[in-house]
Amino acid sequence: MALLGKQLQQLERKYGRFAVRNLMKYVIGANVIVYFLSLADRSGGLPAALVLHPQLVLRGQIWRLVTFVAIPPVTGVLWLFFALYFSYLVGTNLEHTWGAFKFNVYYLLGMLLTILAAFLTGSPVGASYLNLSLFFAFAHLYPDFELLVYLVLPVKVKYLALLSAAPLLFTLLTAPLAGKIIALVPVFSYVLFFGGDLWQKTRQRNQVRENRRRFFTEIEKARKNKD
């Protein structure tokens, strides 16, 4: 389970009734509304007014602490449809697996980490890394789920996650410090929720490897004693 497993269970017993169910539907709905409002806004200023900009938040534009998740990830209507459909697929499956409360916590954690990274760096940010953290969680829980890339090529989610991790790793290795801090958002979200699972699997693999080594060592000793 997650590194926060026990704490989450305790919090869920106390506050689970306050969880927002179908959270991803509200996020997607906000993206759709902003997209169509942006079409009517010829100045193009609406998305810029929603970006998480630390300096402007400190000047009183506190709505930016929330509205950055409502900025559409792409501009073309067809690509937006696919992007939002995929977000819906990821979000609803995570909520189905975890329950509404834990999914709310994971999403809120991603928002808080994004806000923290923005204020640490002073850089305006959107929700791209938050969305990436959702994708990594989905790939962890459903590694063999297949997606049709370009509606033709079936590819398992775990391979797409590895492809998504490659530019993230490149950013962490080569970007300036501010870029590194922001890119750590999905890493921290993933580790906090799945670090325990990863550690347990690593220990199990090491134990299997050690048992196999001992087994063959004993066989070799027995053979030498027999000779």
Protein backbone atom coordinates (compact mmCIF):
# COMPACT_ATOMS: atom_id res chain seq x y z
CA MET A 1 0.00 0.00 0.00
CA ALA A 2 1.00 3.64 -0.02
CA LEU A 3 3.50 5.15 2.34
CA LEU A 4 0.46 7.05 3.64
CA GLY A 5 -1.70 3.93 3.83
CA LYS A 6 -2.50 3.85 7.55
CA GLN A 7 -2.96 7.60 7.75
CA LEU A 8 -5.32 7.54 4.77
CA GLN A 9 -7.42 4.82 6.35
CA GLN A 10 -7.76 6.83 9.54
CA LEU A 11 -8.64 10.00 7.65
CA GLU A 12 -11.16 8.17 5.49
CA ARG A 13 -12.99 6.83 8.53
CA LYS A 14 -13.30 10.37 9.90
CA TYR A 15 -13.81 12.45 6.75
CA GLY A 16 -14.73 10.01 3.99
CA ARG A 17 -18.29 11.30 3.88
CA PHE A 18 -17.02 14.67 2.67
CA ALA A 19 -15.32 13.23 -0.42
CA VAL A 20 -16.34 14.68 -3.78
CA ARG A 21 -17.60 11.80 -5.88
CA ASN A 22 -16.97 11.79 -9.63
CA LEU A 23 -14.35 14.49 -9.12
CA MET A 24 -12.89 14.00 -12.58
CA LYS A 25 -16.22 14.86 -14.18
CA TYR A 26 -16.15 18.27 -12.52
CA VAL A 27 -12.56 18.87 -13.61
CA ILE A 28 -13.36 17.88 -17.19
CA GLY A 29 -16.50 20.01 -17.13
CA ALA A 30 -14.43 23.00 -16.04
CA ASN A 31 -11.98 22.35 -18.89
CA VAL A 32 -14.82 22.26 -21.41
CA ILE A 33 -16.34 25.49 -20.10
CA VAL A 34 -12.99 27.29 -20.22
CA TYR A 35 -12.35 25.99 -23.73
CA PHE A 36 -15.61 27.37 -25.14
CA LEU A 37 -15.29 30.62 -23.22
CA SER A 38 -11.79 30.94 -24.71
CA LEU A 39 -13.26 30.59 -28.19
CA ALA A 40 -15.50 33.55 -27.48
CA ASP A 41 -12.64 35.55 -25.97
CA ARG A 42 -10.71 36.82 -28.98
CA SER A 43 -8.12 38.49 -26.78
CA GLY A 44 -6.93 35.07 -25.61
CA GLY A 45 -6.57 36.31 -22.06
CA LEU A 46 -8.78 33.79 -20.28
CA PRO A 47 -6.27 30.91 -19.92
CA ALA A 48 -3.61 33.37 -18.78
CA ALA A 49 -5.99 34.60 -16.08
CA LEU A 50 -6.30 31.06 -14.71
CA VAL A 51 -2.64 30.00 -14.65
CA LEU A 52 -1.08 29.41 -11.24
CA HIS A 53 1.14 32.51 -11.04
CA PRO A 54 2.66 32.91 -7.54
CA GLN A 55 3.28 36.65 -7.75
CA LEU A 56 -0.28 37.34 -8.86
CA VAL A 57 -1.68 35.07 -6.15
CA LEU A 58 0.17 37.17 -3.57
CA ARG A 59 -1.44 40.26 -5.09
CA GLY A 60 -4.87 38.87 -4.29
CA GLN A 61 -5.73 36.68 -7.30
CA ILE A 62 -6.25 33.66 -5.07
CA TRP A 63 -8.55 31.90 -7.56
CA ARG A 64 -5.41 30.88 -9.43
CA LEU A 65 -4.71 28.34 -6.64
CA VAL A 66 -7.60 26.30 -8.05
CA THR A 67 -8.35 27.44 -11.59
CA PHE A 68 -5.09 26.18 -13.07
CA VAL A 69 -6.62 22.68 -13.22
CA ALA A 70 -9.37 24.03 -15.51
CA ILE A 71 -7.02 25.13 -18.30
CA PRO A 72 -7.53 22.83 -21.34
CA PRO A 73 -4.39 20.76 -22.04
CA VAL A 74 -4.61 21.28 -25.82
CA THR A 75 -6.28 23.76 -28.17
CA GLY A 76 -7.62 21.71 -31.08
CA VAL A 77 -11.14 20.46 -30.45
CA LEU A 78 -10.42 16.92 -31.67
CA TRP A 79 -7.26 16.55 -29.58
CA LEU A 80 -9.07 18.12 -26.64
CA PHE A 81 -11.78 15.49 -26.92
CA PHE A 82 -9.24 12.66 -26.78
CA ALA A 83 -7.26 14.31 -23.96
CA LEU A 84 -10.34 14.84 -21.82
CA TYR A 85 -11.70 11.39 -22.59
CA PHE A 86 -8.42 9.89 -21.47
CA SER A 87 -8.49 12.01 -18.31
CA TYR A 88 -12.00 10.73 -17.66
CA LEU A 89 -10.85 7.14 -18.20
CA VAL A 90 -7.92 7.56 -15.85
CA GLY A 91 -9.80 9.47 -13.15
CA THR A 92 -12.88 7.28 -13.01
CA ASN A 93 -10.85 4.07 -12.87
CA LEU A 94 -8.66 5.43 -10.09
CA GLU A 95 -11.74 6.47 -8.13
CA HIS A 96 -13.33 3.07 -8.76
CA THR A 97 -10.22 1.31 -7.42
CA TRP A 98 -9.43 3.57 -4.48
CA GLY A 99 -12.78 5.04 -3.64
CA ALA A 100 -13.71 8.70 -3.84
CA PHE A 101 -11.85 9.79 -0.71
CA LYS A 102 -8.43 8.40 -1.65
CA PHE A 103 -8.76 9.69 -5.18
CA ASN A 104 -9.64 13.12 -3.81
CA VAL A 105 -6.55 12.98 -1.60
CA TYR A 106 -4.31 11.97 -4.50
CA TYR A 107 -5.64 14.76 -6.71
CA LEU A 108 -5.42 17.31 -3.89
CA LEU A 109 -1.88 16.15 -3.13
CA GLY A 110 -0.92 16.80 -6.75
CA MET A 111 -2.46 20.26 -6.56
CA LEU A 112 -0.66 21.10 -3.32
CA LEU A 113 2.67 19.88 -4.67
CA THR A 114 2.14 21.94 -7.82
CA ILE A 115 1.34 25.03 -5.74
CA LEU A 116 4.39 24.41 -3.56
CA ALA A 117 6.64 24.00 -6.61
CA ALA A 118 5.25 27.20 -8.14
CA PHE A 119 5.96 29.24 -5.01
CA LEU A 120 9.39 27.71 -4.51
CA THR A 121 10.41 28.60 -8.05
CA GLY A 122 8.31 31.70 -8.66
CA SER A 123 7.27 30.20 -11.99
CA PRO A 124 3.75 30.17 -13.42
CA VAL A 125 2.55 26.62 -13.92
CA GLY A 126 -0.43 24.67 -15.22
CA ALA A 127 -1.74 21.20 -14.50
CA SER A 128 0.39 19.16 -16.92
CA TYR A 129 2.50 17.50 -14.23
CA LEU A 130 -0.55 16.95 -12.04
CA ASN A 131 -2.19 15.13 -14.95
CA LEU A 132 1.00 13.13 -15.46
CA SER A 133 0.88 11.99 -11.84
CA LEU A 134 -2.64 10.64 -12.47
CA PHE A 135 -1.38 8.77 -15.51
CA PHE A 136 1.48 7.19 -13.56
CA ALA A 137 -0.97 6.04 -10.89
CA PHE A 138 -3.24 4.55 -13.56
CA ALA A 139 -0.29 2.77 -15.21
CA HIS A 140 0.75 1.34 -11.84
CA LEU A 141 -2.69 -0.06 -11.11
CA TYR A 142 -3.57 -1.10 -14.68
CA PRO A 143 -0.22 -1.83 -16.37
CA ASP A 144 -1.69 -4.13 -19.02
CA PHE A 145 -4.58 -1.88 -19.98
CA GLU A 146 -4.38 -1.32 -23.74
CA LEU A 147 -4.94 1.97 -25.52
CA LEU A 148 -5.36 2.41 -29.25
CA VAL A 149 -2.71 4.91 -30.29
CA TYR A 150 -4.05 6.90 -33.25
CA LEU A 151 -7.11 4.61 -32.95
CA VAL A 152 -5.12 1.82 -34.62
CA LEU A 153 -2.09 0.61 -32.65
CA PRO A 154 -2.83 -1.18 -29.34
CA VAL A 155 -0.21 -0.32 -26.72
CA LYS A 156 -0.18 -1.29 -23.06
CA VAL A 157 -0.32 1.59 -20.63
CA LYS A 158 2.88 0.54 -18.85
CA TYR A 159 4.87 1.17 -22.03
CA LEU A 160 3.24 4.56 -22.55
CA ALA A 161 4.11 5.41 -18.95
CA LEU A 162 7.75 4.57 -19.65
CA LEU A 163 7.65 6.82 -22.71
CA SER A 164 6.17 9.60 -20.59
CA ALA A 165 8.80 9.07 -17.92
CA ALA A 166 11.65 9.54 -20.42
CA PRO A 167 11.16 13.29 -21.03
CA LEU A 168 10.44 13.73 -17.33
CA LEU A 169 13.78 12.14 -16.49
CA PHE A 170 15.46 14.29 -19.13
CA THR A 171 13.98 17.38 -17.50
CA LEU A 172 15.17 16.29 -14.07
CA LEU A 173 18.69 15.75 -15.41
CA THR A 174 19.12 18.77 -17.66
CA ALA A 175 16.66 21.53 -16.74
CA PRO A 176 17.51 24.47 -14.47
CA LEU A 177 16.66 24.07 -10.79
CA ALA A 178 13.21 25.62 -11.19
CA GLY A 179 12.34 23.13 -13.92
CA LYS A 180 13.60 20.25 -11.79
CA ILE A 181 11.46 21.27 -8.82
CA ILE A 182 8.29 21.50 -10.90
CA ALA A 183 9.03 18.18 -12.63
CA LEU A 184 9.25 16.49 -9.22
CA VAL A 185 5.50 16.95 -8.68
CA PRO A 186 4.43 13.65 -10.30
CA VAL A 187 7.46 11.87 -8.80
CA PHE A 188 6.56 12.82 -5.23
CA SER A 189 2.86 12.06 -5.76
CA TYR A 190 3.68 8.63 -7.13
CA VAL A 191 6.23 7.76 -4.45
CA LEU A 192 3.98 8.86 -1.58
CA PHE A 193 1.19 6.61 -2.81
CA PHE A 194 3.12 3.68 -4.27
CA GLY A 195 6.51 3.80 -2.59
CA GLY A 196 5.47 1.10 -0.12
CA ASP A 197 4.40 -1.22 -2.95
CA LEU A 198 7.63 -0.62 -4.84
CA TRP A 199 9.74 -1.26 -1.74
CA GLN A 200 7.85 -4.48 -0.98
CA LYS A 201 8.23 -5.75 -4.53
CA THR A 202 11.94 -4.92 -4.49
CA ARG A 203 12.40 -6.85 -1.26
CA GLN A 204 10.49 -9.81 -2.67
CA ARG A 205 12.60 -9.87 -5.84
CA ASN A 206 15.78 -9.68 -3.80
CA GLN A 207 14.55 -12.49 -1.57
CA VAL A 208 13.70 -14.67 -4.57
CA ARG A 209 17.12 -13.95 -6.05
CA GLU A 210 18.81 -14.83 -2.75
CA ASN A 211 16.79 -18.04 -2.39
CA ARG A 212 17.71 -19.05 -5.91
CA ARG A 213 21.40 -18.38 -5.22
CA ARG A 214 21.30 -20.46 -2.04
CA PHE A 215 19.47 -23.27 -3.82
CA PHE A 216 22.07 -23.58 -6.56
CA THR A 217 24.88 -23.18 -4.02
CA GLU A 218 23.51 -26.12 -2.02
CA ILE A 219 23.17 -28.21 -5.17
CA GLU A 220 26.76 -27.42 -6.10
CA LYS A 221 27.99 -28.35 -2.60
CA ALA A 222 26.02 -31.59 -2.68
CA ARG A 223 27.50 -32.47 -6.07
CA LYS A 224 31.04 -31.79 -4.88
CA ASN A 225 30.51 -33.85 -1.72
CA LYS A 226 29.16 -36.69 -3.80
CA ASP A 227 32.19 -36.62 -6.08
